[in-house]
Every structure is written in C-alpha cells, then in structure tokens.
C-alpha atoms as a PDB file:
ATOM      1  CA  MET A   1     -12.577  -0.123   8.369  1.00  0.00           C
ATOM      2  CA  VAL A   2     -13.029  -3.894   8.089  1.00  0.00           C
ATOM      3  CA  GLY A   3     -16.392  -5.597   8.533  1.00  0.00           C
ATOM      4  CA  VAL A   4     -16.603  -9.270   9.454  1.00  0.00           C
ATOM      5  CA  ASP A   5     -19.436 -11.775   9.549  1.00  0.00           C
ATOM      6  CA  ALA A   6     -19.673 -15.517  10.034  1.00  0.00           C
ATOM      7  CA  ALA A   7     -22.285 -18.304   9.581  1.00  0.00           C
ATOM      8  CA  PHE A   8     -22.406 -22.053   9.662  1.00  0.00           C
ATOM      9  CA  SER A   9     -22.603 -24.379   6.711  1.00  0.00           C
ATOM     10  CA  GLN A  10     -25.833 -26.212   6.023  1.00  0.00           C
ATOM     11  CA  ASP A  11     -24.392 -29.460   7.401  1.00  0.00           C
ATOM     12  CA  SER A  12     -23.189 -27.578  10.557  1.00  0.00           C
ATOM     13  CA  ALA A  13     -19.674 -28.940  10.020  1.00  0.00           C
ATOM     14  CA  HIS A  14     -17.973 -25.706   8.963  1.00  0.00           C
ATOM     15  CA  CYS A  15     -17.946 -21.980   9.727  1.00  0.00           C
ATOM     16  CA  VAL A  16     -17.886 -19.609   6.766  1.00  0.00           C
ATOM     17  CA  ALA A  17     -16.550 -16.107   7.385  1.00  0.00           C
ATOM     18  CA  ALA A  18     -15.917 -12.908   5.371  1.00  0.00           C
ATOM     19  CA  ALA A  19     -13.799  -9.839   5.931  1.00  0.00           C
ATOM     20  CA  VAL A  20     -14.634  -6.730   3.903  1.00  0.00           C
ATOM     21  CA  VAL A  21     -12.459  -3.635   3.712  1.00  0.00           C
ATOM     22  CA  TRP A  22     -14.580  -0.468   3.446  1.00  0.00           C
ATOM     23  CA  ASP A  23     -12.982   2.929   2.731  1.00  0.00           C
ATOM     24  CA  LEU A  24     -14.563   5.355   5.188  1.00  0.00           C
ATOM     25  CA  GLN A  25     -13.408   8.473   3.288  1.00  0.00           C
ATOM     26  CA  GLU A  26     -14.506   7.364  -0.147  1.00  0.00           C
ATOM     27  CA  GLY A  27     -17.453   5.298   0.976  1.00  0.00           C
ATOM     28  CA  ASN A  28     -16.658   2.255  -1.166  1.00  0.00           C
ATOM     29  CA  LEU A  29     -15.698  -1.392  -1.113  1.00  0.00           C
ATOM     30  CA  VAL A  30     -11.951  -2.018  -1.343  1.00  0.00           C
ATOM     31  CA  GLU A  31     -11.508  -5.743  -0.759  1.00  0.00           C
ATOM     32  CA  THR A  32     -13.419  -8.879   0.180  1.00  0.00           C
ATOM     33  CA  ARG A  33     -11.961 -12.188   1.442  1.00  0.00           C
ATOM     34  CA  THR A  34     -13.714 -15.326   2.708  1.00  0.00           C
ATOM     35  CA  ALA A  35     -12.558 -18.406   4.593  1.00  0.00           C
ATOM     36  CA  VAL A  36     -14.087 -21.722   5.561  1.00  0.00           C
ATOM     37  CA  ARG A  37     -12.921 -23.648   8.624  1.00  0.00           C
ATOM     38  CA  PRO A  38     -14.131 -26.963  10.113  1.00  0.00           C
ATOM     39  CA  LEU A  39     -15.901 -26.618  13.429  1.00  0.00           C
ATOM     40  CA  THR A  40     -13.800 -28.090  16.220  1.00  0.00           C
ATOM     41  CA  PHE A  41     -15.259 -26.332  19.279  1.00  0.00           C
ATOM     42  CA  PRO A  42     -18.545 -27.814  20.581  1.00  0.00           C
ATOM     43  CA  TYR A  43     -21.684 -25.740  20.845  1.00  0.00           C
ATOM     44  CA  VAL A  44     -21.725 -24.111  24.299  1.00  0.00           C
ATOM     45  CA  PRO A  45     -24.299 -21.359  25.027  1.00  0.00           C
ATOM     46  CA  GLY A  46     -22.506 -18.021  25.322  1.00  0.00           C
ATOM     47  CA  LEU A  47     -19.284 -19.232  23.708  1.00  0.00           C
ATOM     48  CA  LEU A  48     -20.307 -18.979  20.013  1.00  0.00           C
ATOM     49  CA  SER A  49     -17.239 -16.860  19.301  1.00  0.00           C
ATOM     50  CA  PHE A  50     -14.986 -19.870  19.924  1.00  0.00           C
ATOM     51  CA  ARG A  51     -16.725 -21.557  16.991  1.00  0.00           C
ATOM     52  CA  GLU A  52     -16.690 -18.506  14.712  1.00  0.00           C
ATOM     53  CA  ALA A  53     -13.282 -16.933  15.501  1.00  0.00           C
ATOM     54  CA  PRO A  54     -11.061 -19.398  13.596  1.00  0.00           C
ATOM     55  CA  ALA A  55     -12.880 -18.698  10.321  1.00  0.00           C
ATOM     56  CA  VAL A  56     -13.042 -14.949  10.966  1.00  0.00           C
ATOM     57  CA  LEU A  57      -9.348 -14.843  11.729  1.00  0.00           C
ATOM     58  CA  ALA A  58      -8.559 -16.818   8.583  1.00  0.00           C
ATOM     59  CA  ALA A  59     -10.527 -14.326   6.450  1.00  0.00           C
ATOM     60  CA  LEU A  60      -8.753 -11.402   8.146  1.00  0.00           C
ATOM     61  CA  ARG A  61      -5.351 -13.015   7.483  1.00  0.00           C
ATOM     62  CA  LYS A  62      -6.143 -13.113   3.765  1.00  0.00           C
ATOM     63  CA  LEU A  63      -6.619  -9.302   3.519  1.00  0.00           C
ATOM     64  CA  ARG A  64      -4.004  -7.293   1.564  1.00  0.00           C
ATOM     65  CA  HIS A  65      -5.025  -4.200   3.552  1.00  0.00           C
ATOM     66  CA  GLU A  66      -4.157  -3.871   7.267  1.00  0.00           C
ATOM     67  CA  PRO A  67      -7.362  -3.170   9.288  1.00  0.00           C
ATOM     68  CA  ASP A  68      -7.337  -0.024  11.365  1.00  0.00           C
ATOM     69  CA  ALA A  69     -10.554  -1.099  13.057  1.00  0.00           C
ATOM     70  CA  ILE A  70     -12.841  -4.142  12.820  1.00  0.00           C
ATOM     71  CA  MET A  71     -16.640  -4.045  12.959  1.00  0.00           C
ATOM     72  CA  CYS A  72     -18.208  -7.414  13.766  1.00  0.00           C
ATOM     73  CA  ASP A  73     -21.773  -8.405  12.829  1.00  0.00           C
ATOM     74  CA  ALA A  74     -21.979  -9.705  16.425  1.00  0.00           C
ATOM     75  CA  GLN A  75     -21.948  -8.522  20.008  1.00  0.00           C
ATOM     76  CA  GLY A  76     -18.937  -7.214  21.911  1.00  0.00           C
ATOM     77  CA  TYR A  77     -19.494  -6.283  25.580  1.00  0.00           C
ATOM     78  CA  ALA A  78     -23.281  -6.471  25.186  1.00  0.00           C
ATOM     79  CA  HIS A  79     -23.083 -10.218  25.673  1.00  0.00           C
ATOM     80  CA  PRO A  80     -24.238 -12.487  28.492  1.00  0.00           C
ATOM     81  CA  ARG A  81     -20.586 -13.256  29.344  1.00  0.00           C
ATOM     82  CA  ARG A  82     -19.417  -9.703  28.475  1.00  0.00           C
ATOM     83  CA  PHE A  83     -17.088 -11.172  25.815  1.00  0.00           C
ATOM     84  CA  GLY A  84     -18.736 -11.604  22.417  1.00  0.00           C
ATOM     85  CA  LEU A  85     -17.053 -12.088  19.095  1.00  0.00           C
ATOM     86  CA  ALA A  86     -16.043  -8.433  18.778  1.00  0.00           C
ATOM     87  CA  CYS A  87     -14.081  -8.727  22.048  1.00  0.00           C
ATOM     88  CA  HIS A  88     -12.582 -12.033  21.054  1.00  0.00           C
ATOM     89  CA  ILE A  89     -11.344 -10.829  17.659  1.00  0.00           C
ATOM     90  CA  GLY A  90     -10.059  -7.542  19.033  1.00  0.00           C
ATOM     91  CA  VAL A  91      -7.952  -9.177  21.748  1.00  0.00           C
ATOM     92  CA  ILE A  92      -6.393 -11.668  19.301  1.00  0.00           C
ATOM     93  CA  CYS A  93      -5.797  -9.086  16.530  1.00  0.00           C
ATOM     94  CA  LYS A  94      -4.797  -6.282  18.905  1.00  0.00           C
ATOM     95  CA  ARG A  95      -6.999  -3.901  16.958  1.00  0.00           C
ATOM     96  CA  PRO A  96      -9.935  -1.648  17.852  1.00  0.00           C
ATOM     97  CA  THR A  97     -13.114  -3.669  17.452  1.00  0.00           C
ATOM     98  CA  LEU A  98     -16.802  -3.088  17.922  1.00  0.00           C
ATOM     99  CA  GLY A  99     -19.933  -5.112  17.667  1.00  0.00           C
ATOM    100  CA  CYS A 100     -22.970  -4.046  15.627  1.00  0.00           C
ATOM    101  CA  ALA A 101     -25.664  -6.649  16.061  1.00  0.00           C
ATOM    102  CA  LYS A 102     -29.176  -6.936  14.751  1.00  0.00           C
ATOM    103  CA  SER A 103     -30.743  -7.994  18.068  1.00  0.00           C
ATOM    104  CA  VAL A 104     -30.257  -7.867  21.820  1.00  0.00           C
ATOM    105  CA  LEU A 105     -28.796 -10.882  23.598  1.00  0.00           C
ATOM    106  CA  VAL A 106     -29.064  -9.428  27.073  1.00  0.00           C
ATOM    107  CA  GLY A 107     -30.163  -6.190  28.666  1.00  0.00           C
ATOM    108  CA  GLU A 108     -33.032  -3.728  28.715  1.00  0.00           C
ATOM    109  CA  TYR A 109     -33.553  -0.411  26.880  1.00  0.00           C
ATOM    110  CA  ARG A 110     -36.092   2.201  26.011  1.00  0.00           C
ATOM    111  CA  GLU A 111     -36.899   2.430  22.322  1.00  0.00           C
ATOM    112  CA  PRO A 112     -34.971   5.351  20.781  1.00  0.00           C
ATOM    113  CA  ASP A 113     -36.734   8.078  18.824  1.00  0.00           C
ATOM    114  CA  THR A 114     -37.617   7.136  15.239  1.00  0.00           C
ATOM    115  CA  THR A 115     -35.064   9.490  13.573  1.00  0.00           C
ATOM    116  CA  ARG A 116     -31.589   8.519  12.340  1.00  0.00           C
ATOM    117  CA  GLY A 117     -28.967   8.963  14.977  1.00  0.00           C
ATOM    118  CA  SER A 118     -31.382   8.544  17.901  1.00  0.00           C
ATOM    119  CA  ARG A 119     -30.008   6.322  20.597  1.00  0.00           C
ATOM    120  CA  THR A 120     -30.662   4.922  24.052  1.00  0.00           C
ATOM    121  CA  ALA A 121     -28.522   3.060  26.561  1.00  0.00           C
ATOM    122  CA  LEU A 122     -28.609  -0.735  26.628  1.00  0.00           C
ATOM    123  CA  ARG A 123     -28.277  -1.710  30.316  1.00  0.00           C
ATOM    124  CA  HIS A 124     -27.914  -4.938  32.131  1.00  0.00           C
ATOM    125  CA  GLY A 125     -28.879  -4.149  35.703  1.00  0.00           C
ATOM    126  CA  ALA A 126     -26.992  -0.939  36.627  1.00  0.00           C
ATOM    127  CA  VAL A 127     -24.303  -1.507  33.983  1.00  0.00           C
ATOM    128  CA  ARG A 128     -24.359   0.141  30.554  1.00  0.00           C
ATOM    129  CA  ILE A 129     -23.329  -2.552  28.063  1.00  0.00           C
ATOM    130  CA  GLY A 130     -24.058  -0.816  24.788  1.00  0.00           C
ATOM    131  CA  THR A 131     -26.246   1.456  22.726  1.00  0.00           C
ATOM    132  CA  VAL A 132     -29.442   0.923  20.824  1.00  0.00           C
ATOM    133  CA  LEU A 133     -28.826   3.090  17.769  1.00  0.00           C
ATOM    134  CA  ARG A 134     -31.188   4.051  14.950  1.00  0.00           C
ATOM    135  CA  THR A 135     -29.188   4.120  11.674  1.00  0.00           C
ATOM    136  CA  ARG A 136     -32.187   4.985   9.467  1.00  0.00           C
ATOM    137  CA  SER A 137     -35.333   6.930  10.276  1.00  0.00           C
ATOM    138  CA  GLY A 138     -38.309   4.669  10.959  1.00  0.00           C
ATOM    139  CA  VAL A 139     -36.241   1.474  10.781  1.00  0.00           C
ATOM    140  CA  LYS A 140     -35.463  -0.981  13.522  1.00  0.00           C
ATOM    141  CA  PRO A 141     -32.274   0.040  15.450  1.00  0.00           C
ATOM    142  CA  VAL A 142     -29.023  -1.865  15.763  1.00  0.00           C
ATOM    143  CA  ILE A 143     -27.109  -2.814  18.953  1.00  0.00           C
ATOM    144  CA  VAL A 144     -23.656  -1.271  19.255  1.00  0.00           C
ATOM    145  CA  SER A 145     -21.116  -2.344  21.839  1.00  0.00           C
ATOM    146  CA  VAL A 146     -17.397  -2.053  22.371  1.00  0.00           C
ATOM    147  CA  GLY A 147     -15.118  -4.935  21.552  1.00  0.00           C
ATOM    148  CA  HIS A 148     -11.550  -3.961  22.299  1.00  0.00           C
ATOM    149  CA  LEU A 149      -9.469  -0.731  22.261  1.00  0.00           C
ATOM    150  CA  ILE A 150     -12.467   1.498  21.421  1.00  0.00           C
ATOM    151  CA  ASP A 151     -14.946   3.593  23.378  1.00  0.00           C
ATOM    152  CA  LEU A 152     -18.689   3.523  22.942  1.00  0.00           C
ATOM    153  CA  PRO A 153     -19.071   7.033  21.438  1.00  0.00           C
ATOM    154  CA  THR A 154     -16.417   6.219  18.799  1.00  0.00           C
ATOM    155  CA  ALA A 155     -18.141   2.878  18.023  1.00  0.00           C
ATOM    156  CA  GLU A 156     -21.516   4.698  17.606  1.00  0.00           C
ATOM    157  CA  ARG A 157     -19.926   7.276  15.238  1.00  0.00           C
ATOM    158  CA  LEU A 158     -18.331   4.579  13.115  1.00  0.00           C
ATOM    159  CA  VAL A 159     -21.593   2.673  12.781  1.00  0.00           C
ATOM    160  CA  LEU A 160     -23.449   5.818  11.723  1.00  0.00           C
ATOM    161  CA  LYS A 161     -20.710   6.835   9.291  1.00  0.00           C
ATOM    162  CA  CYS A 162     -20.857   3.370   7.619  1.00  0.00           C
ATOM    163  CA  ALA A 163     -24.663   3.122   7.562  1.00  0.00           C
ATOM    164  CA  VAL A 164     -24.970   5.122   4.355  1.00  0.00           C
ATOM    165  CA  LYS A 165     -27.975   3.523   2.714  1.00  0.00           C
ATOM    166  CA  TYR A 166     -29.325   0.655   4.736  1.00  0.00           C
ATOM    167  CA  ARG A 167     -30.023  -0.252   8.366  1.00  0.00           C
ATOM    168  CA  LEU A 168     -26.799  -2.179   8.603  1.00  0.00           C
ATOM    169  CA  PRO A 169     -23.404  -0.525   8.199  1.00  0.00           C
ATOM    170  CA  GLU A 170     -21.806  -1.262   4.831  1.00  0.00           C
ATOM    171  CA  PRO A 171     -18.806  -3.250   6.085  1.00  0.00           C
ATOM    172  CA  THR A 172     -20.881  -5.821   7.962  1.00  0.00           C
ATOM    173  CA  ARG A 173     -23.727  -5.771   5.388  1.00  0.00           C
ATOM    174  CA  LEU A 174     -21.311  -6.581   2.622  1.00  0.00           C
ATOM    175  CA  ALA A 175     -19.567  -9.213   4.765  1.00  0.00           C
ATOM    176  CA  ASP A 176     -23.008 -10.823   5.315  1.00  0.00           C
ATOM    177  CA  HIS A 177     -23.492 -10.933   1.535  1.00  0.00           C
ATOM    178  CA  ALA A 178     -20.040 -12.473   0.968  1.00  0.00           C
ATOM    179  CA  VAL A 179     -20.744 -15.165   3.547  1.00  0.00           C
ATOM    180  CA  ALA A 180     -24.047 -16.009   1.880  1.00  0.00           C
ATOM    181  CA  GLN A 181     -22.306 -16.258  -1.492  1.00  0.00           C
ATOM    182  CA  ALA A 182     -19.560 -18.455  -0.096  1.00  0.00           C
ATOM    183  CA  LYS A 183     -22.147 -20.759   1.430  1.00  0.00           C
ATOM    184  CA  ARG A 184     -23.922 -21.053  -1.903  1.00  0.00           C
ATOM    185  CA  GLU A 185     -20.664 -22.032  -3.521  1.00  0.00           C
ATOM    186  CA  MET A 186     -19.855 -24.760  -1.045  1.00  0.00           C
END
C-alpha cells in the first residue's frame, strides 16, 4: 500500500508531496520519497488536484517499490466535481486508489456510533459518495471514498487495516509527516 499527501510551500509557489510505502502484512514503513514541483495550474475551486498531482506523481515515480494500491490524504468520488485527487492519481497511474480525508467537502451523513469500525453513508442528494468511518473508538471519523479501480467496501477495509494506532491510516499519516519535514527543509 502506498500513501500520498501534498501541501503547498509557505510562499505558495510550490507543491510538496510524499509517497510512503506501507507493508500491510508486516505493518511497517518500507520506503518514503518526496518531491517538490512549481505550481503552474492556477487556483480554481474544485480543481485542487490539478495543482497537487504533478508533485504527487513525481514522488510516486521515485519509489523503488511498485504500488499495488494508493491511498490519498484527499477525496476521491466524495468531491463536489466527483473527481478528487484520488480519482485523478488513479486514472493516471492505472492503479486502485482511494481517498481518506479528514473532513467532508460535500454531502450529508449521520454521525456513526463511537466504536472503531462504525460507519455511515456519506450522501449527496440520493447518491452515496463515500463512507464516514470511525477508525478509533471515541475519535472523530474519517471520510473514505473510491478513487479508481476499487470498490467502497474494499476501500473501507484498507483504511481500517492501516489505522493501527491513530485516527489516520499509517500510509497517509506518515506521508503527511514526510511532507511537513520536506517543507521545513525548503
């Protein structure tokens, strides 16, 4: 499993991304790569993935291990345009991808039960666009959505399998830390 995250430099001129390989069977970190790319796409609401994707793809290209699936610290289908970063990366890489985000961009849901593994549907009108999933008992849930070449139940299982100690799954949590470190070193 590969986790990816991206953020913008303090001067807003660059995107910093990280790709982290996480061994699902052993439950450990295998590899971390980062990349920095200048921002060339303007800010357009709902099209953030066009600003982040070049740096994420550059980090993924640096990996020595081929990703079997990619978990993005971002939305997939649970996006106002139904095409968040997880969709964008999946289509380009031709790999199964999913989004595991910290907050809702669009849609309504009932709060899931407070125990780990509890979930409720995230809906936008009559359409189910994702799952609100509790990864730790008594802790705020995460938003899981499909990206590309994966179904929602599989995406939910992967998030729970990777959320071993914290609210966020290890691949994206570690990618977030790698991005923060790379930003400090800029």
